């Protein structure tokens, strides 16, 4: 079984990406990092390259998986 990238979202909305062989392994890693209330989902292609949206970045993803471009953000 190959590892794949999972998106781990903490209860406060913080996100990170982990490589794991199963979703359960990814969940265990997220649980250790974020605690109870952690959510895990498979990442889609390119999500980990783009990362999370932060001011000053050209693009990113919000905690719901929506892709955001800097020009779409109204200031």
N, C-alpha and C. Protein backbone atom coordinates (compact mmCIF):
# COMPACT_ATOMS: atom_id res chain seq x y z
N UNK A 1 0.85 -1.18 0.00
CA UNK A 1 0.00 0.00 0.00
C UNK A 1 0.89 1.24 0.00
N UNK A 2 0.59 2.18 -0.90
CA UNK A 2 1.37 3.41 -1.00
C UNK A 2 0.83 4.46 -0.04
N UNK A 3 1.74 5.33 0.39
CA UNK A 3 1.30 6.45 1.20
C UNK A 3 0.64 7.49 0.31
N UNK A 4 -0.27 8.23 0.89
CA UNK A 4 -0.88 9.35 0.19
C UNK A 4 -0.99 10.53 1.14
N UNK A 5 -1.32 11.66 0.61
CA UNK A 5 -1.41 12.87 1.43
C UNK A 5 -2.83 13.04 1.95
N UNK A 6 -2.92 13.34 3.24
CA UNK A 6 -4.20 13.62 3.89
C UNK A 6 -4.15 15.03 4.47
N UNK A 7 -5.29 15.68 4.46
CA UNK A 7 -5.43 16.99 5.07
C UNK A 7 -6.00 16.78 6.47
N UNK A 8 -5.30 17.30 7.46
CA UNK A 8 -5.72 17.16 8.86
C UNK A 8 -6.17 18.54 9.33
N UNK A 9 -7.38 18.61 9.88
CA UNK A 9 -7.94 19.89 10.31
C UNK A 9 -8.27 19.80 11.80
N UNK A 10 -7.66 20.70 12.57
CA UNK A 10 -7.91 20.73 14.01
C UNK A 10 -9.24 21.38 14.34
N UNK A 11 -9.71 21.25 15.56
CA UNK A 11 -10.99 21.82 15.95
C UNK A 11 -11.04 23.35 15.83
N UNK A 12 -9.89 24.00 15.84
CA UNK A 12 -9.86 25.46 15.71
C UNK A 12 -9.68 25.92 14.26
N UNK A 13 -9.67 24.96 13.31
CA UNK A 13 -9.55 25.31 11.90
C UNK A 13 -8.14 25.26 11.36
N UNK A 14 -7.14 25.06 12.22
CA UNK A 14 -5.77 24.95 11.73
C UNK A 14 -5.66 23.70 10.87
N UNK A 15 -4.85 23.78 9.81
CA UNK A 15 -4.69 22.67 8.89
C UNK A 15 -3.24 22.29 8.73
N UNK A 16 -3.01 21.01 8.45
CA UNK A 16 -1.69 20.54 8.07
C UNK A 16 -1.88 19.35 7.15
N UNK A 17 -0.81 18.91 6.55
CA UNK A 17 -0.84 17.79 5.63
C UNK A 17 0.08 16.71 6.14
N UNK A 18 -0.37 15.46 6.06
CA UNK A 18 0.44 14.33 6.50
C UNK A 18 0.45 13.26 5.42
N UNK A 19 1.55 12.53 5.34
CA UNK A 19 1.64 11.37 4.47
C UNK A 19 1.39 10.15 5.32
N UNK A 20 0.46 9.30 4.88
CA UNK A 20 0.14 8.09 5.63
C UNK A 20 -0.38 7.02 4.66
N UNK A 21 -0.31 5.76 5.10
CA UNK A 21 -0.80 4.65 4.27
C UNK A 21 -2.31 4.51 4.36
N UNK A 22 -2.90 4.92 5.48
CA UNK A 22 -4.35 4.82 5.64
C UNK A 22 -4.88 6.11 6.28
N UNK A 23 -6.17 6.32 6.13
CA UNK A 23 -6.80 7.48 6.75
C UNK A 23 -6.73 7.37 8.27
N UNK A 24 -6.81 6.15 8.77
CA UNK A 24 -6.73 5.95 10.22
C UNK A 24 -5.36 6.37 10.76
N UNK A 25 -4.29 6.03 10.03
CA UNK A 25 -2.95 6.47 10.45
C UNK A 25 -2.86 8.00 10.44
N UNK A 26 -3.44 8.61 9.42
CA UNK A 26 -3.44 10.08 9.34
C UNK A 26 -4.23 10.67 10.50
N UNK A 27 -5.36 10.04 10.82
CA UNK A 27 -6.18 10.51 11.95
C UNK A 27 -5.40 10.41 13.26
N UNK A 28 -4.69 9.31 13.46
CA UNK A 28 -3.91 9.15 14.69
C UNK A 28 -2.85 10.24 14.81
N UNK A 29 -2.21 10.56 13.70
CA UNK A 29 -1.22 11.63 13.72
C UNK A 29 -1.87 12.99 14.01
N UNK A 30 -3.03 13.23 13.38
CA UNK A 30 -3.75 14.48 13.64
C UNK A 30 -4.25 14.56 15.07
N UNK A 31 -4.73 13.46 15.60
CA UNK A 31 -5.20 13.42 16.99
C UNK A 31 -4.07 13.74 17.95
N UNK A 32 -2.88 13.21 17.69
CA UNK A 32 -1.73 13.49 18.54
C UNK A 32 -1.32 14.96 18.47
N UNK A 33 -1.52 15.57 17.30
CA UNK A 33 -1.10 16.96 17.12
C UNK A 33 -2.17 17.96 17.56
N UNK A 34 -3.44 17.71 17.20
CA UNK A 34 -4.52 18.67 17.45
C UNK A 34 -5.48 18.28 18.56
N UNK A 35 -5.52 17.00 18.93
CA UNK A 35 -6.42 16.55 20.00
C UNK A 35 -7.81 16.20 19.48
N UNK A 36 -8.73 16.03 20.42
CA UNK A 36 -10.10 15.66 20.10
C UNK A 36 -10.74 16.68 19.16
N UNK A 37 -11.58 16.21 18.28
CA UNK A 37 -12.25 17.09 17.32
C UNK A 37 -11.50 17.22 16.00
N UNK A 38 -10.42 16.47 15.85
CA UNK A 38 -9.64 16.49 14.61
C UNK A 38 -10.41 15.83 13.48
N UNK A 39 -10.33 16.42 12.29
CA UNK A 39 -10.95 15.84 11.10
C UNK A 39 -9.86 15.53 10.09
N UNK A 40 -10.08 14.49 9.30
CA UNK A 40 -9.11 14.09 8.28
C UNK A 40 -9.86 13.80 6.99
N UNK A 41 -9.28 14.22 5.88
CA UNK A 41 -9.83 13.88 4.57
C UNK A 41 -8.66 13.70 3.60
N UNK A 42 -8.86 12.93 2.54
CA UNK A 42 -7.81 12.83 1.53
C UNK A 42 -7.57 14.20 0.90
N UNK A 43 -6.32 14.53 0.66
CA UNK A 43 -6.00 15.77 -0.04
C UNK A 43 -6.17 15.54 -1.53
N UNK A 44 -6.50 16.59 -2.26
CA UNK A 44 -6.61 16.44 -3.70
C UNK A 44 -5.33 16.93 -4.34
N UNK A 45 -5.15 16.57 -5.60
CA UNK A 45 -3.93 16.89 -6.32
C UNK A 45 -3.63 18.38 -6.27
N UNK A 46 -2.44 18.73 -5.87
CA UNK A 46 -2.00 20.11 -5.84
C UNK A 46 -2.32 20.87 -4.57
N UNK A 47 -3.17 20.33 -3.73
CA UNK A 47 -3.54 21.05 -2.52
C UNK A 47 -2.33 21.33 -1.64
N UNK A 48 -1.47 20.35 -1.47
CA UNK A 48 -0.32 20.51 -0.58
C UNK A 48 0.73 21.45 -1.18
N UNK A 49 0.75 21.61 -2.52
CA UNK A 49 1.67 22.56 -3.14
C UNK A 49 1.22 23.99 -2.91
N UNK A 50 -0.09 24.17 -2.95
CA UNK A 50 -0.66 25.49 -2.80
C UNK A 50 -0.74 25.87 -1.32
N UNK A 51 -1.08 24.93 -0.49
CA UNK A 51 -1.15 25.19 0.94
C UNK A 51 -2.41 25.90 1.37
N UNK A 52 -2.34 26.53 2.53
CA UNK A 52 -3.48 27.26 3.06
C UNK A 52 -3.35 28.73 2.68
N UNK A 53 -4.46 29.40 2.50
CA UNK A 53 -4.41 30.81 2.13
C UNK A 53 -3.97 31.66 3.31
N UNK A 54 -2.99 32.51 3.06
CA UNK A 54 -2.54 33.49 4.04
C UNK A 54 -2.33 34.81 3.30
N UNK A 55 -2.54 35.93 3.95
CA UNK A 55 -2.29 37.22 3.29
C UNK A 55 -0.87 37.27 2.72
N UNK A 56 -0.76 37.76 1.51
CA UNK A 56 0.54 37.85 0.86
C UNK A 56 0.84 36.68 -0.07
N UNK A 57 0.07 35.60 0.03
CA UNK A 57 0.27 34.46 -0.86
C UNK A 57 -0.63 34.61 -2.08
N UNK A 58 -0.21 34.03 -3.18
CA UNK A 58 -1.01 34.13 -4.41
C UNK A 58 -2.28 33.31 -4.34
N UNK A 59 -2.21 32.16 -3.65
CA UNK A 59 -3.40 31.32 -3.56
C UNK A 59 -3.26 30.37 -2.37
N UNK A 60 -4.35 29.67 -2.08
CA UNK A 60 -4.36 28.71 -0.99
C UNK A 60 -5.74 28.11 -0.85
N UNK A 61 -5.94 27.34 0.18
CA UNK A 61 -7.22 26.68 0.44
C UNK A 61 -7.71 27.06 1.83
N UNK A 62 -9.01 27.22 1.97
CA UNK A 62 -9.56 27.44 3.30
C UNK A 62 -9.84 26.09 3.95
N UNK A 63 -10.34 26.10 5.18
CA UNK A 63 -10.54 24.85 5.91
C UNK A 63 -11.62 23.98 5.31
N UNK A 64 -12.43 24.53 4.41
CA UNK A 64 -13.48 23.76 3.75
C UNK A 64 -13.01 23.17 2.42
N UNK A 65 -11.77 23.47 2.05
CA UNK A 65 -11.22 22.94 0.80
C UNK A 65 -11.46 23.82 -0.40
N UNK A 66 -12.01 25.01 -0.18
CA UNK A 66 -12.22 25.94 -1.29
C UNK A 66 -10.91 26.58 -1.68
N UNK A 67 -10.65 26.62 -2.98
CA UNK A 67 -9.43 27.26 -3.47
C UNK A 67 -9.65 28.76 -3.55
N UNK A 68 -8.72 29.53 -3.02
CA UNK A 68 -8.83 30.99 -2.97
C UNK A 68 -7.63 31.60 -3.67
N UNK A 69 -7.86 32.51 -4.58
CA UNK A 69 -6.78 33.25 -5.22
C UNK A 69 -6.72 34.64 -4.59
N UNK A 70 -5.51 35.21 -4.52
CA UNK A 70 -5.33 36.51 -3.88
C UNK A 70 -6.22 37.57 -4.49
N UNK A 71 -6.41 37.53 -5.82
CA UNK A 71 -7.23 38.55 -6.45
C UNK A 71 -8.72 38.42 -6.11
N UNK A 72 -9.12 37.25 -5.55
CA UNK A 72 -10.51 37.05 -5.15
C UNK A 72 -10.80 37.60 -3.75
N UNK A 73 -9.75 37.87 -2.99
CA UNK A 73 -9.91 38.34 -1.62
C UNK A 73 -10.11 39.85 -1.63
N UNK A 74 -11.20 40.28 -1.06
CA UNK A 74 -11.48 41.72 -0.99
C UNK A 74 -11.05 42.20 0.37
N UNK A 75 -10.19 43.17 0.39
CA UNK A 75 -9.58 43.59 1.52
C UNK A 75 -9.90 44.20 2.70
